[in-house]
Amino acid sequence: MTNLSLSRGNVPLPAFFPDATRGVVRTVDSADLVNCGVQGLVMNAYHLMTKPGAATIKSLGGLHRFAGWERPIITDSGGFQVFSLIRENAALGEIRPNEIIFRRDGKKTTLSPEKCIQSQLSYGSDVLMALDYCTHPSDPYEIQAKAVDVTIKWGKRCMDTFMQHAGTKHKPLLFGIVQGGNDKALRKQCAAALLEMGYAGFGFGGWPLDENGHLTEEILAYTAELIPSSMVKYAMGVGKPENIVACVKMGFNLFDCVIPTREARHNRLYVFNEEFEAPANIDLGLTRDFYQYIYPLDDIYRRDPRPISALCDCYACVNYSRAYIRHLLSIGDGLGSRLATIHNLRFYTMLMEILS
């Protein structure tokens, strides 16, 4: 599959969608994102449901108009975020057979399959994600089996709600999420059941990394094999450049992660190794060490007149030196974080161009 066809345009694959969890990619605006070559954004249905609220977003014309972003938007169901928070603190909520109950700041929020889909439809999302039961790779078989059972049941309710309420004009796509932990039989059971329901694409459910932070390559590759090549294979949360390259080789073609923007705010910049004369000469099939980090606050950049990367055509690299960006960051000026974010996002979109 080389393109994801949506009502707001075709997205060349593979693609990386930055996380705009609460409706914004921090420190940058829509023009910056477009100039970086960003094709779409991922926003979080649950977080937007709590603030500013689904009714508010709908009254303002939907997410695209609200956020000033006319390109595609994927809305994650929020199941991953809610479950991960509950996992850390059981007092924050519970997962029931028919819904997730979440308690925070003295307020109770209910997230059911029906509410999940209805809120995403009201946002005007281009791709909706079904509500699933998220697990960790180290969870025992009993929990993984329960997660698959719940994910399948919720998946059917999500699809029924989608078919009942999705309009024919600018009709979005609905993606399912394949759970099962590291158990291949469970992954196969989950994928087979969801495929019968008519989903347009699938995400890899659960943490894609093990307890040591290593990519769970075997189960990722197996899950990719379960999804037809004509469909989108979404490696949710996979963000390290070398992990994206590995997943593309497995067949995944859509990615999202907070890494590039979060790292930029923490003064860590991605650059292709300067041994390459141009991005087109970077053969990712021959090397895993195709990039490195620059820490612009290091003293060695105090008088460095060079751009962040000679291979990059982003606004920061075309117009400013490492020395100036170091200066901005050292005085805490917001322009420094904006330029750092622009650069890291352009690194990721260039990586997608190389992989295409």
Protein backbone atom coordinates (compact mmCIF):
# COMPACT_ATOMS: atom_id res chain seq x y z
CA MET A 1 0.00 0.00 0.00
CA THR A 2 1.60 3.26 -1.11
CA ASN A 3 -1.10 5.82 -0.24
CA LEU A 4 -3.72 6.32 2.42
CA SER A 5 -6.71 7.83 0.64
CA LEU A 6 -8.75 10.18 2.83
CA SER A 7 -11.34 12.86 2.17
CA ARG A 8 -8.76 15.54 2.96
CA GLY A 9 -6.18 14.14 0.57
CA ASN A 10 -3.89 11.22 -0.12
CA VAL A 11 -1.14 10.53 2.40
CA PRO A 12 2.00 8.97 0.89
CA LEU A 13 3.13 5.94 2.86
CA PRO A 14 5.09 5.33 4.95
CA ALA A 15 4.06 8.35 7.00
CA PHE A 16 4.85 9.73 10.42
CA PHE A 17 2.10 11.69 12.19
CA PRO A 18 3.32 13.81 15.12
CA ASP A 19 1.35 13.60 18.33
CA ALA A 20 -0.91 16.58 18.91
CA THR A 21 -2.49 14.86 21.90
CA ARG A 22 -4.52 17.78 23.21
CA GLY A 23 -5.08 19.40 19.82
CA VAL A 24 -1.65 21.01 19.46
CA VAL A 25 1.91 20.07 18.58
CA ARG A 26 3.65 21.97 21.32
CA THR A 27 5.69 25.08 20.37
CA VAL A 28 4.74 25.06 16.65
CA ASP A 29 1.74 26.12 14.55
CA SER A 30 0.03 24.69 11.50
CA ALA A 31 2.19 26.63 9.04
CA ASP A 32 5.32 25.25 10.68
CA LEU A 33 3.95 21.72 10.39
CA VAL A 34 3.07 22.12 6.72
CA ASN A 35 6.49 23.57 5.96
CA CYS A 36 8.09 20.57 7.69
CA GLY A 37 6.22 18.25 5.33
CA VAL A 38 3.92 16.83 8.01
CA GLN A 39 1.04 14.96 6.34
CA GLY A 40 -1.24 14.54 9.34
CA LEU A 41 -1.58 14.63 13.12
CA VAL A 42 -2.68 12.25 15.86
CA MET A 43 -4.94 13.68 18.56
CA ASN A 44 -6.39 11.94 21.58
CA ALA A 45 -10.14 11.48 21.84
CA TYR A 46 -10.13 10.96 25.60
CA HIS A 47 -8.02 14.00 26.47
CA LEU A 48 -10.07 16.21 24.15
CA MET A 49 -13.23 14.80 25.70
CA THR A 50 -12.10 16.08 29.10
CA LYS A 51 -10.80 19.45 27.85
CA PRO A 52 -12.19 21.40 26.04
CA GLY A 53 -14.97 18.80 25.63
CA ALA A 54 -16.56 17.09 22.64
CA ALA A 55 -19.54 19.47 22.61
CA THR A 56 -17.26 22.50 22.52
CA ILE A 57 -15.22 21.14 19.64
CA LYS A 58 -18.35 20.23 17.67
CA SER A 59 -19.87 23.69 18.24
CA LEU A 60 -16.73 25.27 16.79
CA GLY A 61 -16.87 23.25 13.59
CA GLY A 62 -14.82 20.21 14.52
CA LEU A 63 -11.16 19.56 15.21
CA HIS A 64 -9.79 20.82 11.90
CA ARG A 65 -11.36 24.24 12.22
CA PHE A 66 -10.74 24.37 15.98
CA ALA A 67 -7.02 23.61 15.57
CA GLY A 68 -6.50 25.43 12.28
CA TRP A 69 -5.29 22.24 10.61
CA GLU A 70 -6.75 21.23 7.24
CA ARG A 71 -4.76 18.06 6.65
CA PRO A 72 -5.78 14.63 7.99
CA ILE A 73 -6.28 13.94 11.68
CA ILE A 74 -6.25 10.55 13.37
CA THR A 75 -7.93 10.45 16.75
CA ASP A 76 -6.72 7.76 19.12
CA SER A 77 -9.49 6.32 21.26
CA GLY A 78 -7.68 7.08 24.51
CA GLY A 79 -7.73 3.45 25.65
CA PHE A 80 -3.93 3.32 25.82
CA GLN A 81 -3.63 6.51 27.85
CA VAL A 82 -6.46 5.67 30.22
CA PHE A 83 -5.26 2.14 30.81
CA SER A 84 -1.64 3.19 31.31
CA LEU A 85 -2.72 5.74 33.92
CA ILE A 86 -4.96 3.21 35.68
CA ARG A 87 -2.10 0.71 35.58
CA GLU A 88 0.10 3.17 37.46
CA ASN A 89 -2.61 4.02 39.99
CA ALA A 90 -5.63 1.73 40.40
CA ALA A 91 -7.42 4.45 42.35
CA LEU A 92 -7.75 6.43 39.11
CA GLY A 93 -10.26 4.06 37.60
CA GLU A 94 -11.25 0.58 36.52
CA ILE A 95 -11.88 -1.39 33.37
CA ARG A 96 -15.33 -2.96 33.36
CA PRO A 97 -16.76 -5.44 30.83
CA ASN A 98 -18.69 -2.72 28.99
CA GLU A 99 -16.66 0.44 29.61
CA ILE A 100 -13.73 2.17 31.24
CA ILE A 101 -14.38 4.28 34.32
CA PHE A 102 -11.83 6.98 34.95
CA ARG A 103 -11.61 9.15 38.07
CA ARG A 104 -9.44 12.23 38.18
CA ASP A 105 -9.54 15.62 39.89
CA GLY A 106 -12.77 14.66 41.60
CA LYS A 107 -14.48 13.94 38.29
CA LYS A 108 -15.71 10.68 36.82
CA THR A 109 -15.42 9.99 33.09
CA THR A 110 -16.99 7.01 31.36
CA LEU A 111 -15.44 5.76 28.13
CA SER A 112 -17.50 3.14 26.30
CA PRO A 113 -17.08 1.87 22.73
CA GLU A 114 -20.17 3.82 21.68
CA LYS A 115 -19.08 7.06 23.34
CA CYS A 116 -15.58 6.64 21.93
CA ILE A 117 -16.82 6.44 18.33
CA GLN A 118 -19.52 9.09 18.69
CA SER A 119 -17.06 11.61 20.12
CA GLN A 120 -14.54 10.97 17.33
CA LEU A 121 -17.26 11.38 14.71
CA SER A 122 -18.29 14.67 16.30
CA TYR A 123 -14.68 15.84 16.07
CA GLY A 124 -14.72 15.29 12.29
CA SER A 125 -11.70 12.98 12.47
CA ASP A 126 -10.40 11.45 9.24
CA VAL A 127 -9.34 8.19 10.89
CA LEU A 128 -10.99 6.87 14.05
CA MET A 129 -9.42 4.27 16.31
CA ALA A 130 -11.56 1.64 18.01
CA LEU A 131 -11.51 1.35 21.78
CA ASP A 132 -9.33 -1.53 22.94
CA TYR A 133 -8.00 -3.15 26.10
CA CYS A 134 -4.30 -2.35 26.23
CA THR A 135 -1.72 -4.64 27.85
CA HIS A 136 2.02 -4.79 28.45
CA PRO A 137 4.15 -7.51 26.77
CA SER A 138 5.12 -8.86 30.21
CA ASP A 139 1.51 -9.34 31.37
CA PRO A 140 0.56 -12.99 32.01
CA TYR A 141 -1.47 -15.04 29.55
CA GLU A 142 -4.70 -14.63 31.52
CA ILE A 143 -4.60 -10.85 31.16
CA GLN A 144 -3.63 -11.04 27.48
CA ALA A 145 -6.52 -13.44 26.78
CA LYS A 146 -8.95 -11.19 28.63
CA ALA A 147 -7.68 -8.18 26.67
CA VAL A 148 -8.26 -9.98 23.36
CA ASP A 149 -11.78 -11.03 24.41
CA VAL A 150 -12.67 -7.48 25.49
CA THR A 151 -11.03 -5.89 22.44
CA ILE A 152 -13.04 -8.12 20.10
CA LYS A 153 -16.32 -7.40 21.90
CA TRP A 154 -15.62 -3.68 22.03
CA GLY A 155 -14.46 -3.80 18.41
CA LYS A 156 -17.87 -5.11 17.31
CA ARG A 157 -19.66 -2.37 19.27
CA CYS A 158 -17.33 0.27 17.80
CA MET A 159 -18.01 -0.94 14.27
CA ASP A 160 -21.78 -1.10 14.85
CA THR A 161 -21.78 2.47 16.18
CA PHE A 162 -19.61 3.66 13.31
CA MET A 163 -21.87 2.10 10.66
CA GLN A 164 -24.94 3.57 12.33
CA HIS A 165 -23.68 7.14 12.75
CA ALA A 166 -20.97 7.81 10.16
CA GLY A 167 -22.28 10.01 7.36
CA THR A 168 -21.73 9.40 3.67
CA LYS A 169 -20.17 12.82 3.07
CA HIS A 170 -16.48 12.95 4.05
CA LYS A 171 -16.89 9.53 5.60
CA PRO A 172 -13.86 8.72 7.76
CA LEU A 173 -12.08 5.40 8.15
CA LEU A 174 -12.21 3.20 11.22
CA PHE A 175 -9.13 1.26 12.31
CA GLY A 176 -9.08 -1.67 14.70
CA ILE A 177 -6.32 -2.54 17.14
CA VAL A 178 -4.82 -6.02 17.37
CA GLN A 179 -4.05 -7.12 20.93
CA GLY A 180 -2.54 -10.33 22.27
CA GLY A 181 0.78 -9.44 23.86
CA ASN A 182 3.60 -11.77 22.82
CA ASP A 183 1.27 -14.71 22.24
CA LYS A 184 0.98 -15.44 18.53
CA ALA A 185 -2.22 -17.48 18.87
CA LEU A 186 -3.93 -14.60 20.68
CA ARG A 187 -2.73 -12.08 18.09
CA LYS A 188 -4.07 -14.32 15.32
CA GLN A 189 -7.41 -14.73 17.11
CA CYS A 190 -7.77 -10.98 17.58
CA ALA A 191 -6.77 -10.08 14.02
CA ALA A 192 -9.06 -12.70 12.46
CA ALA A 193 -12.08 -11.53 14.45
CA LEU A 194 -11.52 -7.85 13.67
CA LEU A 195 -10.87 -8.52 9.98
CA GLU A 196 -14.34 -10.08 9.69
CA MET A 197 -15.88 -6.85 11.00
CA GLY A 198 -14.69 -4.76 8.05
CA TYR A 199 -12.08 -2.44 9.52
CA ALA A 200 -10.12 -0.33 7.03
CA GLY A 201 -6.77 -0.70 8.77
CA PHE A 202 -5.15 -1.96 11.93
CA GLY A 203 -2.86 -0.79 14.67
CA PHE A 204 -0.45 -2.88 16.69
CA GLY A 205 -1.93 -2.90 20.18
CA GLY A 206 0.03 -2.75 23.41
CA TRP A 207 3.53 -1.55 24.16
CA PRO A 208 5.85 -2.14 21.18
CA LEU A 209 8.87 -2.26 23.54
CA ASP A 210 9.84 -4.82 26.15
CA GLU A 211 10.85 -4.06 29.75
CA ASN A 212 14.39 -3.29 28.56
CA GLY A 213 13.22 -0.77 25.98
CA HIS A 214 13.94 -3.06 23.03
CA LEU A 215 11.59 -3.37 20.08
CA THR A 216 9.47 -6.53 20.27
CA GLU A 217 10.46 -7.41 16.72
CA GLU A 218 9.20 -10.99 16.53
CA ILE A 219 5.61 -10.27 17.56
CA LEU A 220 5.51 -7.02 15.58
CA ALA A 221 6.57 -8.85 12.43
CA TYR A 222 4.08 -11.65 13.07
CA THR A 223 1.23 -9.20 13.62
CA ALA A 224 2.11 -7.37 10.41
CA GLU A 225 1.83 -10.67 8.54
CA LEU A 226 -1.73 -11.12 9.84
CA ILE A 227 -2.89 -7.89 8.17
CA PRO A 228 -3.46 -7.84 4.39
CA SER A 229 -0.89 -5.82 2.43
CA SER A 230 -3.72 -3.73 0.98
CA MET A 231 -4.43 -2.24 4.41
CA VAL A 232 -2.74 0.32 6.60
CA LYS A 233 -0.47 -1.28 9.21
CA TYR A 234 -0.08 1.22 12.01
CA ALA A 235 2.83 0.79 14.44
CA MET A 236 1.35 2.91 17.18
CA GLY A 237 3.87 4.59 19.44
CA VAL A 238 6.95 3.41 17.53
CA GLY A 239 9.18 6.47 17.29
CA LYS A 240 12.92 5.82 17.40
CA PRO A 241 14.29 6.23 13.87
CA GLU A 242 15.98 2.82 13.80
CA ASN A 243 12.76 1.19 15.07
CA ILE A 244 10.72 2.89 12.36
CA VAL A 245 13.15 1.54 9.74
CA ALA A 246 12.84 -1.96 11.22
CA CYS A 247 9.03 -1.77 11.23
CA VAL A 248 8.86 -0.52 7.64
CA LYS A 249 10.82 -3.61 6.63
CA MET A 250 8.17 -5.70 8.42
CA GLY A 251 5.39 -4.02 6.42
CA PHE A 252 4.20 -1.28 8.77
CA ASN A 253 3.53 2.00 7.00
CA LEU A 254 2.09 4.43 9.55
CA PHE A 255 3.73 5.74 12.72
CA ASP A 256 3.21 8.24 15.50
CA CYS A 257 5.17 9.14 18.62
CA VAL A 258 5.96 12.03 20.96
CA ILE A 259 9.71 11.43 20.59
CA PRO A 260 10.72 14.10 18.03
CA THR A 261 8.80 16.94 19.68
CA ARG A 262 9.55 15.91 23.27
CA GLU A 263 13.24 15.48 22.49
CA ALA A 264 13.33 18.92 20.88
CA ARG A 265 11.92 20.48 24.04
CA HIS A 266 14.66 18.70 25.97
CA ASN A 267 17.37 20.06 23.68
CA ARG A 268 18.13 16.85 21.79
CA LEU A 269 18.25 17.18 18.03
CA TYR A 270 18.35 14.47 15.36
CA VAL A 271 20.73 14.78 12.41
CA PHE A 272 21.68 12.45 9.61
CA ASN A 273 25.35 11.53 9.73
CA GLU A 274 27.42 13.98 7.72
CA GLU A 275 29.20 11.17 5.83
CA PHE A 276 26.22 11.31 3.48
CA GLU A 277 26.37 14.05 0.87
CA ALA A 278 22.60 14.21 0.51
CA PRO A 279 19.56 12.49 2.04
CA ALA A 280 19.02 10.61 -1.22
CA ASN A 281 22.37 8.87 -0.67
CA ILE A 282 21.40 7.41 2.69
CA ASP A 283 20.92 3.67 2.28
CA LEU A 284 19.01 2.58 5.36
CA GLY A 285 19.34 -1.02 4.28
CA LEU A 286 23.08 -0.94 4.80
CA THR A 287 23.44 0.92 8.08
CA ARG A 288 21.68 1.22 11.41
CA ASP A 289 23.95 4.12 12.41
CA PHE A 290 22.52 6.61 9.95
CA TYR A 291 21.93 9.41 12.44
CA GLN A 292 23.25 10.98 15.60
CA TYR A 293 22.22 13.45 18.28
CA ILE A 294 23.26 17.04 18.72
CA TYR A 295 22.89 18.71 22.11
CA PRO A 296 22.84 22.40 21.16
CA LEU A 297 23.49 23.66 24.68
CA ASP A 298 26.93 22.05 24.70
CA ASP A 299 29.66 24.67 24.89
CA ILE A 300 31.28 23.50 21.64
CA TYR A 301 28.43 25.17 19.74
CA ARG A 302 28.87 28.60 21.32
CA ARG A 303 30.58 29.98 18.20
CA ASP A 304 29.52 27.35 15.67
CA PRO A 305 28.30 29.13 12.50
CA ARG A 306 27.00 25.96 10.84
CA PRO A 307 23.33 24.98 10.62
CA ILE A 308 22.08 22.15 12.80
CA SER A 309 22.49 19.87 9.79
CA ALA A 310 23.95 20.55 6.35
CA LEU A 311 21.61 17.88 4.95
CA CYS A 312 18.44 19.50 6.26
CA ASP A 313 16.28 22.05 4.46
CA CYS A 314 14.08 23.02 7.43
CA TYR A 315 13.44 26.65 8.39
CA ALA A 316 15.85 26.42 11.31
CA CYS A 317 18.73 25.02 9.25
CA VAL A 318 18.24 27.39 6.31
CA ASN A 319 18.12 30.53 8.44
CA TYR A 320 20.00 30.04 11.71
CA SER A 321 23.29 28.79 13.09
CA ARG A 322 23.94 26.32 15.86
CA ALA A 323 25.40 29.23 17.84
CA TYR A 324 22.19 31.26 17.58
CA ILE A 325 19.94 28.33 18.48
CA ARG A 326 22.21 27.63 21.46
CA HIS A 327 21.83 31.26 22.49
CA LEU A 328 18.02 31.09 22.28
CA LEU A 329 17.87 27.91 24.31
CA SER A 330 20.31 29.20 26.90
CA ILE A 331 18.14 32.25 27.62
CA GLY A 332 14.94 30.20 27.59
CA ASP A 333 13.39 31.98 24.62
CA GLY A 334 10.44 30.19 23.04
CA LEU A 335 11.88 30.60 19.55
CA GLY A 336 14.62 28.15 20.48
CA SER A 337 12.13 25.38 21.27
CA ARG A 338 10.14 26.18 18.14
CA LEU A 339 13.20 25.93 15.88
CA ALA A 340 14.35 22.73 17.58
CA THR A 341 10.90 21.18 17.10
CA ILE A 342 10.76 22.26 13.46
CA HIS A 343 14.12 20.62 12.85
CA ASN A 344 13.27 17.30 14.52
CA LEU A 345 9.97 17.08 12.68
CA ARG A 346 11.69 17.71 9.36
CA PHE A 347 14.20 14.99 10.19
CA TYR A 348 11.29 12.57 10.58
CA THR A 349 9.51 13.62 7.41
CA MET A 350 12.80 13.34 5.50
CA LEU A 351 13.20 9.85 6.95
CA MET A 352 9.75 8.95 5.58
CA GLU A 353 10.76 10.31 2.17
CA ILE A 354 13.90 8.16 2.20
CA LEU A 355 11.89 5.09 3.16
CA SER A 356 9.23 5.59 0.48
